[in-house]
Amino acid sequence: KMAGSSTPWIGSAYLFLQSTCKTIVLPSLYESSQKKPSVFKALKLALADSTGSVNGVDMLKVHCSQPHLIVQLKFCKQENCRRFLQSYREGVLQESLQNHLQLSLAMTTVPLEMELKAGNEHLDNMLKDEDRCLECIYREKPDRLRDEEISELEECLKSLIVHQSINNNTAVKGCASLNSPSLPCPSQGSSLSPQVTFIFQGQQFANRTLTPDDHQKFAKLVSKKWKQVGRSLQKNCRALRDPVIDNLALEYDREGLYEQAYQLLLRFIQSEGKKATIARLIAALEENGLISLAEELLGLHSNEDCS
């Protein structure tokens, strides 16, 4: 796959999707165990249409952030990325995804709005300059491996296609075939944290997914210790492995500590999804002596200096 002696062309981008119909909430559909495989199938087919190949672009993660469904994309060839950009710019991808969602979800219409980002760059503002878009995507290297859930959904889709071709009379919708023991439904697997509660200072707390409020409080109060917290989270979060934390420090140096801490936790939340829980953050804070900040996040006292 090497082009001559040069290194392979690899880049990453985020595709933001939102339905313009109030009754269709894409993140809710994706979080539903019945609908998730159908939404995934539509995404997979539309992306294959956009590049002309099933393997033209890889989905690393699908992140639910109301009202958006955010798909982290990985491109391994410049020509595939170029085809994707042309398809996106001309509205072909949008039309294709709307049609696939309509068929997969058995709905009359699924109107969509799309946005494409690479790092801090909004690519929608520069679509006419294809080379600049390619440059932005190439500059953003994927910060994670493919999510386990995505791999499971891929397998589900493959078995579904085989199942449909063997028994064409029966319309198999979604992940119906996943009820067999050999195919665990991804929604019941690794994406949910097994820990329902956790103990902090002798008290029991519900283990929930991190909220935007937690995110802001952390960024505001963690101060200079954001790197240490990042290294504690790094132990079981691939997206924060070296040299990501040092790169964040350099990239957001001018914006200051708040933005550096905010971007750190954003990486954690985006890569871990539902597994980005308050228990994991509290454990990292405890490990670094940030007890006051932990108490603040758990609502144990009003604002205090956490340095």
Foldseek 3Di string as FASTA:
>chain_A
DDDPPHDWQKFKKKKKKAFPDPVDQPLVLCLDLQRVLLLLVLLQVLLCVQQVHSVQKDFQAWFDDPSITMTMIMGGHLSSVLSNLVCVLVCVSQVSSQVSSCVQVVHPTTHMDMWMGQVPDGCVVPSVVSVVVSVSRSVHHDLDGRDPLSVLSVVQVVVQVVVCVVPVVDDDHGNVVCVDPVRPRSSPDDLADPDQWDDDPNDIDGKFADDVVLLQLCLVAVAPCLLQLLVLLVVPFSSSPPPNLVVLCVVCVVVHSSSSSSVSLVSVCRRNPRNNILVSSLVSCVVVVQNVSNCVSVVNDDDDHRD
